[in-house]
Amino acid sequence: QVQLVESGGGLVQAGGSLRLSCAASGSIFSITTMGWFRQAPGKQRELVATITSGRSTDYADSVKGRFTISRDNAKNTVYLQMNSLKPEDTAVYYCAADANGGNWDYWGQGTQVTVSS
């Protein structure tokens, strides 16, 4: 089992920045890819960014150039640096882990990000 705990959400003005953290514990040796998702009210959950164990990254088109995903294996933590935030980035952000190759097996509880205009 893997436990994921997100932190770093909050209220920020448009154009501002936030950094989300996701601390992993438990059977972390099984984790390959980590990802950040978000879900806005009334919308489906969407994939925002992923990072593999080899540190290859991928981003949704809507956040490319503004968000950066990174991982610190020594701290078992994944980060999402969010710059130039827009009101449409407002959502609950979730951290997820893939431990079986191709499935998001573990999820955090989510952290709220609100961007005011």
N, C-alpha and C. Protein backbone atom coordinates (compact mmCIF):
# COMPACT_ATOMS: atom_id res chain seq x y z
N GLN A 1 0.83 -1.19 0.00
CA GLN A 1 0.00 0.00 0.00
C GLN A 1 0.87 1.25 0.00
N VAL A 2 0.34 2.27 -0.62
CA VAL A 2 1.01 3.57 -0.69
C VAL A 2 0.05 4.63 -0.18
N GLN A 3 0.56 5.51 0.64
CA GLN A 3 -0.22 6.64 1.12
C GLN A 3 0.34 7.92 0.50
N LEU A 4 -0.57 8.78 0.05
CA LEU A 4 -0.19 10.05 -0.57
C LEU A 4 -0.87 11.19 0.16
N VAL A 5 -0.10 12.19 0.52
CA VAL A 5 -0.65 13.35 1.23
C VAL A 5 -0.23 14.62 0.51
N GLU A 6 -1.23 15.36 0.02
CA GLU A 6 -0.95 16.61 -0.68
C GLU A 6 -0.96 17.78 0.29
N SER A 7 -0.25 18.82 -0.08
CA SER A 7 -0.27 20.08 0.67
C SER A 7 0.11 21.21 -0.28
N GLY A 8 -0.14 22.44 0.18
CA GLY A 8 0.29 23.59 -0.59
C GLY A 8 -0.79 24.34 -1.32
N GLY A 9 -2.02 23.85 -1.28
CA GLY A 9 -3.10 24.57 -1.95
C GLY A 9 -3.44 25.86 -1.21
N GLY A 10 -4.30 26.66 -1.83
CA GLY A 10 -4.71 27.90 -1.20
C GLY A 10 -5.36 28.84 -2.17
N LEU A 11 -5.50 30.08 -1.74
CA LEU A 11 -6.11 31.14 -2.55
C LEU A 11 -5.02 32.07 -3.05
N VAL A 12 -5.05 32.34 -4.35
CA VAL A 12 -4.04 33.19 -4.95
C VAL A 12 -4.69 34.04 -6.03
N GLN A 13 -4.14 35.20 -6.28
CA GLN A 13 -4.66 36.05 -7.34
C GLN A 13 -4.16 35.57 -8.70
N ALA A 14 -4.91 35.89 -9.72
CA ALA A 14 -4.49 35.56 -11.08
C ALA A 14 -3.10 36.13 -11.35
N GLY A 15 -2.27 35.32 -11.98
CA GLY A 15 -0.89 35.71 -12.24
C GLY A 15 0.08 35.26 -11.18
N GLY A 16 -0.45 34.79 -10.05
CA GLY A 16 0.39 34.36 -8.96
C GLY A 16 0.88 32.93 -9.11
N SER A 17 1.55 32.45 -8.06
CA SER A 17 2.16 31.12 -8.08
C SER A 17 1.82 30.36 -6.81
N LEU A 18 1.81 29.04 -6.94
CA LEU A 18 1.69 28.13 -5.81
C LEU A 18 2.54 26.91 -6.10
N ARG A 19 3.00 26.26 -5.05
CA ARG A 19 3.69 24.98 -5.22
C ARG A 19 2.98 23.94 -4.38
N LEU A 20 2.53 22.91 -5.05
CA LEU A 20 1.89 21.78 -4.38
C LEU A 20 2.94 20.71 -4.11
N SER A 21 2.76 20.02 -2.99
CA SER A 21 3.63 18.91 -2.62
C SER A 21 2.80 17.66 -2.41
N CYS A 22 3.39 16.52 -2.71
CA CYS A 22 2.74 15.23 -2.49
C CYS A 22 3.76 14.30 -1.86
N ALA A 23 3.57 14.00 -0.59
CA ALA A 23 4.48 13.13 0.13
C ALA A 23 3.96 11.69 0.09
N ALA A 24 4.83 10.78 -0.33
CA ALA A 24 4.45 9.38 -0.45
C ALA A 24 5.08 8.57 0.68
N SER A 25 4.34 7.59 1.16
CA SER A 25 4.86 6.69 2.19
C SER A 25 4.28 5.30 1.95
N GLY A 26 4.87 4.31 2.61
CA GLY A 26 4.42 2.94 2.44
C GLY A 26 5.30 2.22 1.43
N SER A 27 4.69 1.45 0.55
CA SER A 27 5.43 0.63 -0.42
C SER A 27 5.83 1.45 -1.63
N ILE A 28 6.62 2.47 -1.39
CA ILE A 28 6.96 3.42 -2.45
C ILE A 28 7.87 2.82 -3.50
N PHE A 29 8.52 1.69 -3.19
CA PHE A 29 9.42 1.06 -4.15
C PHE A 29 8.66 0.60 -5.38
N SER A 30 7.35 0.42 -5.20
CA SER A 30 6.52 -0.09 -6.30
C SER A 30 6.09 1.01 -7.27
N ILE A 31 6.28 2.26 -6.91
CA ILE A 31 5.78 3.37 -7.72
C ILE A 31 6.66 3.59 -8.94
N THR A 32 6.03 3.73 -10.09
CA THR A 32 6.77 4.08 -11.30
C THR A 32 6.48 5.53 -11.65
N THR A 33 5.28 5.81 -12.07
CA THR A 33 4.91 7.16 -12.48
C THR A 33 4.05 7.84 -11.42
N MET A 34 4.31 9.13 -11.23
CA MET A 34 3.48 9.95 -10.36
C MET A 34 2.77 11.00 -11.22
N GLY A 35 1.61 11.39 -10.76
CA GLY A 35 0.87 12.37 -11.55
C GLY A 35 0.07 13.33 -10.68
N TRP A 36 -0.26 14.45 -11.28
CA TRP A 36 -1.18 15.41 -10.67
C TRP A 36 -2.42 15.51 -11.56
N PHE A 37 -3.56 15.43 -10.93
CA PHE A 37 -4.85 15.60 -11.59
C PHE A 37 -5.55 16.79 -10.96
N ARG A 38 -6.61 17.25 -11.61
CA ARG A 38 -7.43 18.29 -11.00
C ARG A 38 -8.89 18.08 -11.42
N GLN A 39 -9.78 18.55 -10.56
CA GLN A 39 -11.20 18.46 -10.85
C GLN A 39 -11.87 19.75 -10.41
N ALA A 40 -12.41 20.45 -11.40
CA ALA A 40 -13.15 21.68 -11.13
C ALA A 40 -14.62 21.33 -10.91
N PRO A 41 -15.36 22.18 -10.23
CA PRO A 41 -16.79 21.91 -9.98
C PRO A 41 -17.55 21.67 -11.27
N GLY A 42 -18.29 20.58 -11.31
CA GLY A 42 -19.09 20.27 -12.47
C GLY A 42 -18.33 19.71 -13.65
N LYS A 43 -17.04 19.47 -13.48
CA LYS A 43 -16.22 18.96 -14.58
C LYS A 43 -15.59 17.63 -14.21
N GLN A 44 -15.15 16.90 -15.24
CA GLN A 44 -14.48 15.64 -14.98
C GLN A 44 -13.05 15.88 -14.51
N ARG A 45 -12.54 14.89 -13.81
CA ARG A 45 -11.16 14.95 -13.38
C ARG A 45 -10.26 14.89 -14.60
N GLU A 46 -9.24 15.73 -14.65
CA GLU A 46 -8.33 15.75 -15.79
C GLU A 46 -6.88 15.62 -15.33
N LEU A 47 -6.10 14.99 -16.19
CA LEU A 47 -4.68 14.81 -15.92
C LEU A 47 -3.95 16.11 -16.23
N VAL A 48 -3.15 16.57 -15.29
CA VAL A 48 -2.43 17.83 -15.44
C VAL A 48 -0.98 17.59 -15.83
N ALA A 49 -0.31 16.68 -15.11
CA ALA A 49 1.12 16.45 -15.37
C ALA A 49 1.51 15.09 -14.82
N THR A 50 2.53 14.49 -15.46
CA THR A 50 3.06 13.22 -14.98
C THR A 50 4.58 13.27 -14.98
N ILE A 51 5.18 12.43 -14.14
CA ILE A 51 6.63 12.29 -14.11
C ILE A 51 6.95 10.83 -13.82
N THR A 52 7.84 10.27 -14.63
CA THR A 52 8.22 8.87 -14.47
C THR A 52 9.38 8.73 -13.48
N SER A 53 9.71 7.50 -13.18
CA SER A 53 10.84 7.25 -12.29
C SER A 53 12.14 7.75 -12.92
N GLY A 54 12.17 7.83 -14.25
CA GLY A 54 13.33 8.37 -14.95
C GLY A 54 13.26 9.86 -15.16
N ARG A 55 12.24 10.49 -14.55
CA ARG A 55 12.05 11.94 -14.59
C ARG A 55 11.60 12.47 -15.95
N SER A 56 11.05 11.61 -16.78
CA SER A 56 10.39 12.10 -17.99
C SER A 56 9.07 12.73 -17.60
N THR A 57 8.76 13.86 -18.20
CA THR A 57 7.55 14.59 -17.81
C THR A 57 6.62 14.78 -19.00
N ASP A 58 5.35 14.99 -18.68
CA ASP A 58 4.35 15.27 -19.69
C ASP A 58 3.31 16.18 -19.06
N TYR A 59 2.71 17.05 -19.89
CA TYR A 59 1.78 18.05 -19.38
C TYR A 59 0.55 18.15 -20.26
N ALA A 60 -0.55 18.53 -19.63
CA ALA A 60 -1.73 18.89 -20.40
C ALA A 60 -1.43 20.19 -21.16
N ASP A 61 -2.01 20.32 -22.33
CA ASP A 61 -1.76 21.51 -23.14
C ASP A 61 -2.11 22.79 -22.38
N SER A 62 -3.12 22.72 -21.56
CA SER A 62 -3.60 23.91 -20.86
C SER A 62 -2.62 24.46 -19.83
N VAL A 63 -1.63 23.65 -19.43
CA VAL A 63 -0.69 24.10 -18.40
C VAL A 63 0.75 24.15 -18.89
N LYS A 64 0.99 23.72 -20.11
CA LYS A 64 2.36 23.72 -20.64
C LYS A 64 2.94 25.12 -20.60
N GLY A 65 4.19 25.21 -20.13
CA GLY A 65 4.85 26.50 -20.04
C GLY A 65 4.56 27.25 -18.75
N ARG A 66 3.56 26.78 -17.99
CA ARG A 66 3.20 27.45 -16.73
C ARG A 66 3.44 26.56 -15.51
N PHE A 67 3.21 25.26 -15.66
CA PHE A 67 3.36 24.33 -14.55
C PHE A 67 4.60 23.47 -14.77
N THR A 68 5.24 23.08 -13.65
CA THR A 68 6.39 22.19 -13.71
C THR A 68 6.25 21.12 -12.64
N ILE A 69 6.35 19.87 -13.07
CA ILE A 69 6.31 18.75 -12.14
C ILE A 69 7.73 18.28 -11.89
N SER A 70 8.02 17.92 -10.64
CA SER A 70 9.35 17.43 -10.30
C SER A 70 9.21 16.44 -9.15
N ARG A 71 10.27 15.68 -8.92
CA ARG A 71 10.23 14.72 -7.81
C ARG A 71 11.57 14.71 -7.10
N ASP A 72 11.51 14.53 -5.79
CA ASP A 72 12.69 14.40 -4.95
C ASP A 72 12.62 13.00 -4.33
N ASN A 73 13.36 12.08 -4.90
CA ASN A 73 13.28 10.70 -4.45
C ASN A 73 13.80 10.53 -3.02
N ALA A 74 14.74 11.36 -2.62
CA ALA A 74 15.27 11.28 -1.26
C ALA A 74 14.19 11.62 -0.23
N LYS A 75 13.27 12.50 -0.62
CA LYS A 75 12.19 12.91 0.28
C LYS A 75 10.88 12.21 -0.04
N ASN A 76 10.89 11.36 -1.07
CA ASN A 76 9.66 10.66 -1.48
C ASN A 76 8.53 11.65 -1.75
N THR A 77 8.87 12.72 -2.40
CA THR A 77 7.92 13.81 -2.61
C THR A 77 7.90 14.24 -4.07
N VAL A 78 6.71 14.53 -4.56
CA VAL A 78 6.51 15.07 -5.90
C VAL A 78 5.94 16.47 -5.76
N TYR A 79 6.39 17.36 -6.61
CA TYR A 79 5.96 18.76 -6.54
C TYR A 79 5.26 19.17 -7.82
N LEU A 80 4.41 20.16 -7.71
CA LEU A 80 3.83 20.80 -8.88
C LEU A 80 3.96 22.30 -8.68
N GLN A 81 4.90 22.90 -9.39
CA GLN A 81 5.08 24.34 -9.35
C GLN A 81 4.14 24.96 -10.37
N MET A 82 3.28 25.84 -9.90
CA MET A 82 2.26 26.44 -10.76
C MET A 82 2.50 27.94 -10.82
N ASN A 83 2.82 28.44 -11.99
CA ASN A 83 3.06 29.87 -12.21
C ASN A 83 2.01 30.43 -13.16
N SER A 84 1.92 31.75 -13.18
CA SER A 84 0.98 32.44 -14.06
C SER A 84 -0.42 31.84 -13.96
N LEU A 85 -0.86 31.66 -12.74
CA LEU A 85 -2.15 31.00 -12.52
C LEU A 85 -3.30 31.82 -13.07
N LYS A 86 -4.31 31.10 -13.55
CA LYS A 86 -5.50 31.70 -14.13
C LYS A 86 -6.73 31.24 -13.35
N PRO A 87 -7.81 32.01 -13.39
CA PRO A 87 -9.03 31.57 -12.69
C PRO A 87 -9.48 30.18 -13.13
N GLU A 88 -9.26 29.82 -14.37
CA GLU A 88 -9.67 28.49 -14.83
C GLU A 88 -8.80 27.37 -14.28
N ASP A 89 -7.74 27.69 -13.56
CA ASP A 89 -6.96 26.66 -12.87
C ASP A 89 -7.58 26.28 -11.53
N THR A 90 -8.62 26.99 -11.13
CA THR A 90 -9.29 26.70 -9.88
C THR A 90 -9.86 25.28 -9.90
N ALA A 91 -9.49 24.48 -8.91
CA ALA A 91 -9.91 23.08 -8.85
C ALA A 91 -9.37 22.45 -7.58
N VAL A 92 -9.83 21.24 -7.32
CA VAL A 92 -9.18 20.40 -6.32
C VAL A 92 -8.10 19.61 -7.05
N TYR A 93 -6.89 19.67 -6.56
CA TYR A 93 -5.75 19.00 -7.17
C TYR A 93 -5.43 17.74 -6.39
N TYR A 94 -5.27 16.65 -7.13
CA TYR A 94 -5.00 15.34 -6.55
C TYR A 94 -3.67 14.80 -7.05
N CYS A 95 -2.96 14.18 -6.15
CA CYS A 95 -1.74 13.45 -6.47
C CYS A 95 -2.12 11.98 -6.66
N ALA A 96 -1.47 11.30 -7.60
CA ALA A 96 -1.75 9.90 -7.84
C ALA A 96 -0.47 9.16 -8.17
N ALA A 97 -0.48 7.85 -7.90
CA ALA A 97 0.69 7.02 -8.14
C ALA A 97 0.31 5.78 -8.94
N ASP A 98 1.17 5.46 -9.89
CA ASP A 98 1.02 4.25 -10.70
C ASP A 98 2.04 3.23 -10.20
N ALA A 99 1.54 2.11 -9.69
CA ALA A 99 2.43 1.09 -9.14
C ALA A 99 2.35 -0.22 -9.90
N ASN A 100 1.50 -0.30 -10.90
CA ASN A 100 1.31 -1.56 -11.61
C ASN A 100 1.43 -1.42 -13.11
N GLY A 101 1.90 -0.27 -13.55
CA GLY A 101 2.12 -0.10 -14.98
C GLY A 101 0.84 0.22 -15.74
N GLY A 102 0.48 1.49 -15.79
CA GLY A 102 -0.65 1.90 -16.61
C GLY A 102 -1.92 2.21 -15.88
N ASN A 103 -1.96 1.98 -14.57
CA ASN A 103 -3.15 2.30 -13.79
C ASN A 103 -2.78 3.23 -12.65
N TRP A 104 -3.68 4.15 -12.35
CA TRP A 104 -3.48 5.03 -11.20
C TRP A 104 -4.05 4.32 -9.99
N ASP A 105 -3.15 3.72 -9.23
CA ASP A 105 -3.57 2.81 -8.16
C ASP A 105 -3.86 3.51 -6.84
N TYR A 106 -3.16 4.61 -6.60
CA TYR A 106 -3.26 5.28 -5.30
C TYR A 106 -3.53 6.77 -5.52
N TRP A 107 -4.32 7.32 -4.61
CA TRP A 107 -4.73 8.72 -4.71
C TRP A 107 -4.59 9.42 -3.36
N GLY A 108 -4.25 10.70 -3.42
CA GLY A 108 -4.28 11.51 -2.23
C GLY A 108 -5.68 12.04 -1.98
N GLN A 109 -5.83 12.81 -0.93
CA GLN A 109 -7.14 13.31 -0.53
C GLN A 109 -7.53 14.58 -1.28
N GLY A 110 -6.57 15.22 -1.92
CA GLY A 110 -6.83 16.43 -2.69
C GLY A 110 -6.54 17.69 -1.90
N THR A 111 -6.18 18.74 -2.62
CA THR A 111 -5.95 20.04 -2.02
C THR A 111 -6.58 21.11 -2.92
N GLN A 112 -7.28 22.04 -2.31
CA GLN A 112 -8.01 23.05 -3.08
C GLN A 112 -7.09 24.17 -3.53
N VAL A 113 -7.20 24.51 -4.80
CA VAL A 113 -6.51 25.68 -5.36
C VAL A 113 -7.58 26.61 -5.91
N THR A 114 -7.58 27.84 -5.45
CA THR A 114 -8.54 28.83 -5.91
C THR A 114 -7.78 30.04 -6.43
N VAL A 115 -8.07 30.41 -7.68
CA VAL A 115 -7.42 31.55 -8.30
C VAL A 115 -8.47 32.62 -8.54
N SER A 116 -8.27 33.76 -7.91
CA SER A 116 -9.23 34.86 -8.05
C SER A 116 -8.82 35.79 -9.19
N SER A 117 -9.83 36.37 -9.81
CA SER A 117 -9.55 37.26 -10.96
C SER A 117 -9.36 38.70 -10.51
